[in-house]
């Protein structure tokens, strides 16, 4: 392990050059009446600009609805 690429934070080794994903989507299955449906359990949008992040969140929700899963 090359220590120039890694640091120790709170006892954990962390790669410095790896950034978190801008979007994170967690889906699950649920039952709606007699139908099984896919539901969004968690949707995270990361960014520095709140208005831009909210717009991207709305766009992600629209795209999810259009998937017809």
N, C-alpha and C. Protein backbone atom coordinates (compact mmCIF):
# COMPACT_ATOMS: atom_id res chain seq x y z
N UNK A 1 0.85 -1.17 0.00
CA UNK A 1 0.00 0.00 0.00
C UNK A 1 0.89 1.23 0.00
N UNK A 2 0.66 2.13 -0.93
CA UNK A 2 1.40 3.37 -1.02
C UNK A 2 0.75 4.39 -0.10
N UNK A 3 1.41 4.82 0.93
CA UNK A 3 0.81 5.69 1.94
C UNK A 3 0.56 7.10 1.43
N UNK A 4 1.12 7.47 0.27
CA UNK A 4 0.82 8.80 -0.25
C UNK A 4 -0.60 8.87 -0.80
N UNK A 5 -1.18 7.73 -1.14
CA UNK A 5 -2.55 7.70 -1.67
C UNK A 5 -3.59 7.46 -0.59
N UNK A 6 -3.16 7.16 0.61
CA UNK A 6 -4.08 6.79 1.69
C UNK A 6 -3.78 7.62 2.93
N UNK A 7 -4.81 7.86 3.73
CA UNK A 7 -4.62 8.50 5.03
C UNK A 7 -5.43 7.72 6.06
N UNK A 8 -5.12 7.95 7.32
CA UNK A 8 -5.86 7.30 8.39
C UNK A 8 -6.74 8.36 9.05
N UNK A 9 -8.05 8.09 9.07
CA UNK A 9 -9.01 9.00 9.70
C UNK A 9 -9.85 8.19 10.67
N UNK A 10 -9.84 8.59 11.91
CA UNK A 10 -10.61 7.90 12.96
C UNK A 10 -10.33 6.39 12.98
N UNK A 11 -9.08 6.03 12.76
CA UNK A 11 -8.69 4.63 12.82
C UNK A 11 -8.95 3.85 11.54
N UNK A 12 -9.52 4.49 10.50
CA UNK A 12 -9.81 3.79 9.24
C UNK A 12 -8.88 4.32 8.15
N UNK A 13 -8.45 3.45 7.26
CA UNK A 13 -7.62 3.86 6.14
C UNK A 13 -8.55 4.32 5.01
N UNK A 14 -8.32 5.54 4.52
CA UNK A 14 -9.19 6.15 3.51
C UNK A 14 -8.35 6.55 2.31
N UNK A 15 -8.84 6.21 1.11
CA UNK A 15 -8.18 6.67 -0.11
C UNK A 15 -8.55 8.12 -0.34
N UNK A 16 -7.58 8.96 -0.58
CA UNK A 16 -7.81 10.39 -0.75
C UNK A 16 -8.37 10.74 -2.13
N UNK A 17 -8.02 9.97 -3.16
CA UNK A 17 -8.42 10.34 -4.51
C UNK A 17 -9.81 9.83 -4.88
N UNK A 18 -10.47 9.11 -4.01
CA UNK A 18 -11.79 8.58 -4.30
C UNK A 18 -12.84 9.52 -3.71
N UNK A 19 -13.68 10.06 -4.57
CA UNK A 19 -14.74 10.96 -4.11
C UNK A 19 -16.04 10.17 -4.03
N UNK A 20 -16.94 10.58 -3.15
CA UNK A 20 -18.22 9.88 -3.08
C UNK A 20 -19.03 10.14 -4.35
N UNK A 21 -19.87 9.20 -4.70
CA UNK A 21 -20.73 9.39 -5.85
C UNK A 21 -21.63 10.58 -5.62
N UNK A 22 -21.98 11.28 -6.70
CA UNK A 22 -22.86 12.44 -6.59
C UNK A 22 -24.29 12.00 -6.28
N UNK A 23 -24.66 10.83 -6.75
CA UNK A 23 -26.00 10.30 -6.53
C UNK A 23 -25.91 8.95 -5.84
N UNK A 24 -26.86 8.67 -4.99
CA UNK A 24 -26.95 7.36 -4.35
C UNK A 24 -28.43 6.99 -4.28
N UNK A 25 -28.78 5.85 -4.86
CA UNK A 25 -30.17 5.40 -4.91
C UNK A 25 -30.26 4.01 -4.32
N UNK A 26 -31.14 3.84 -3.36
CA UNK A 26 -31.40 2.53 -2.76
C UNK A 26 -32.87 2.20 -3.01
N UNK A 27 -33.11 1.07 -3.66
CA UNK A 27 -34.48 0.67 -3.96
C UNK A 27 -34.81 -0.62 -3.22
N UNK A 28 -36.09 -0.89 -3.12
CA UNK A 28 -36.55 -2.11 -2.48
C UNK A 28 -37.86 -2.56 -3.08
N UNK A 29 -38.35 -3.66 -2.63
CA UNK A 29 -39.62 -4.21 -3.11
C UNK A 29 -40.67 -4.01 -2.03
N UNK A 30 -41.90 -3.76 -2.47
CA UNK A 30 -43.00 -3.59 -1.54
C UNK A 30 -44.25 -4.16 -2.21
N UNK A 31 -45.28 -4.32 -1.41
CA UNK A 31 -46.53 -4.85 -1.93
C UNK A 31 -47.58 -3.75 -1.86
N UNK A 32 -48.25 -3.51 -2.97
CA UNK A 32 -49.32 -2.52 -3.05
C UNK A 32 -50.57 -3.26 -3.49
N UNK A 33 -51.42 -3.62 -2.53
CA UNK A 33 -52.56 -4.48 -2.85
C UNK A 33 -52.03 -5.86 -3.19
N UNK A 34 -52.38 -6.34 -4.38
CA UNK A 34 -51.86 -7.65 -4.81
C UNK A 34 -50.64 -7.50 -5.71
N UNK A 35 -50.22 -6.26 -5.98
CA UNK A 35 -49.07 -6.01 -6.86
C UNK A 35 -47.79 -5.88 -6.04
N UNK A 36 -46.70 -6.33 -6.63
CA UNK A 36 -45.37 -6.10 -6.07
C UNK A 36 -44.79 -4.91 -6.82
N UNK A 37 -44.30 -3.93 -6.10
CA UNK A 37 -43.77 -2.72 -6.71
C UNK A 37 -42.36 -2.46 -6.21
N UNK A 38 -41.61 -1.68 -6.99
CA UNK A 38 -40.28 -1.24 -6.58
C UNK A 38 -40.43 0.15 -5.98
N UNK A 39 -39.85 0.35 -4.82
CA UNK A 39 -39.95 1.63 -4.12
C UNK A 39 -38.57 2.21 -3.88
N UNK A 40 -38.51 3.51 -3.77
CA UNK A 40 -37.26 4.19 -3.42
C UNK A 40 -37.15 4.20 -1.90
N UNK A 41 -36.12 3.55 -1.39
CA UNK A 41 -35.88 3.56 0.05
C UNK A 41 -35.06 4.77 0.45
N UNK A 42 -34.14 5.16 -0.42
CA UNK A 42 -33.26 6.29 -0.13
C UNK A 42 -32.75 6.86 -1.44
N UNK A 43 -32.77 8.17 -1.56
CA UNK A 43 -32.21 8.86 -2.72
C UNK A 43 -31.42 10.05 -2.21
N UNK A 44 -30.12 10.05 -2.47
CA UNK A 44 -29.25 11.13 -1.99
C UNK A 44 -28.60 11.82 -3.19
N UNK A 45 -28.60 13.13 -3.16
CA UNK A 45 -27.91 13.95 -4.15
C UNK A 45 -26.93 14.83 -3.39
N UNK A 46 -25.67 14.77 -3.76
CA UNK A 46 -24.65 15.55 -3.07
C UNK A 46 -24.21 16.71 -3.96
N UNK A 47 -24.09 17.88 -3.38
CA UNK A 47 -23.62 19.03 -4.15
C UNK A 47 -23.45 20.23 -3.25
N UNK A 48 -22.80 21.24 -3.79
CA UNK A 48 -22.55 22.47 -3.04
C UNK A 48 -23.66 23.49 -3.22
N UNK A 49 -24.44 23.37 -4.30
CA UNK A 49 -25.49 24.33 -4.61
C UNK A 49 -26.84 23.69 -4.32
N UNK A 50 -27.56 24.21 -3.32
CA UNK A 50 -28.83 23.61 -2.91
C UNK A 50 -29.86 23.61 -4.04
N UNK A 51 -30.02 24.72 -4.74
CA UNK A 51 -31.01 24.80 -5.82
C UNK A 51 -30.70 23.78 -6.92
N UNK A 52 -29.43 23.65 -7.28
CA UNK A 52 -29.02 22.68 -8.30
C UNK A 52 -29.25 21.25 -7.82
N UNK A 53 -28.94 20.99 -6.56
CA UNK A 53 -29.15 19.65 -6.01
C UNK A 53 -30.63 19.29 -5.98
N UNK A 54 -31.50 20.24 -5.61
CA UNK A 54 -32.93 19.98 -5.61
C UNK A 54 -33.46 19.73 -7.03
N UNK A 55 -32.97 20.49 -8.00
CA UNK A 55 -33.37 20.27 -9.39
C UNK A 55 -32.93 18.88 -9.86
N UNK A 56 -31.74 18.47 -9.50
CA UNK A 56 -31.25 17.14 -9.88
C UNK A 56 -32.04 16.05 -9.17
N UNK A 57 -32.44 16.29 -7.93
CA UNK A 57 -33.27 15.34 -7.20
C UNK A 57 -34.62 15.16 -7.90
N UNK A 58 -35.24 16.25 -8.29
CA UNK A 58 -36.53 16.18 -9.01
C UNK A 58 -36.38 15.45 -10.34
N UNK A 59 -35.29 15.72 -11.05
CA UNK A 59 -35.04 15.04 -12.33
C UNK A 59 -34.84 13.54 -12.11
N UNK A 60 -34.15 13.17 -11.04
CA UNK A 60 -33.94 11.75 -10.75
C UNK A 60 -35.26 11.05 -10.43
N UNK A 61 -36.13 11.73 -9.69
CA UNK A 61 -37.44 11.15 -9.38
C UNK A 61 -38.28 10.98 -10.65
N UNK A 62 -38.25 11.97 -11.54
CA UNK A 62 -38.98 11.86 -12.82
C UNK A 62 -38.44 10.67 -13.63
N UNK A 63 -37.13 10.54 -13.70
CA UNK A 63 -36.52 9.43 -14.46
C UNK A 63 -36.91 8.09 -13.86
N UNK A 64 -36.96 8.01 -12.54
CA UNK A 64 -37.33 6.76 -11.88
C UNK A 64 -38.78 6.39 -12.23
N UNK A 65 -39.68 7.39 -12.22
CA UNK A 65 -41.09 7.13 -12.55
C UNK A 65 -41.24 6.67 -13.99
N UNK A 66 -40.42 7.16 -14.89
CA UNK A 66 -40.52 6.83 -16.31
C UNK A 66 -39.95 5.46 -16.64
N UNK A 67 -39.29 4.80 -15.70
CA UNK A 67 -38.69 3.48 -15.96
C UNK A 67 -39.73 2.40 -16.16
N UNK A 68 -40.94 2.59 -15.65
CA UNK A 68 -42.00 1.57 -15.76
C UNK A 68 -41.55 0.20 -15.27
N UNK A 69 -41.00 0.16 -14.10
CA UNK A 69 -40.53 -1.10 -13.52
C UNK A 69 -41.65 -1.91 -12.94
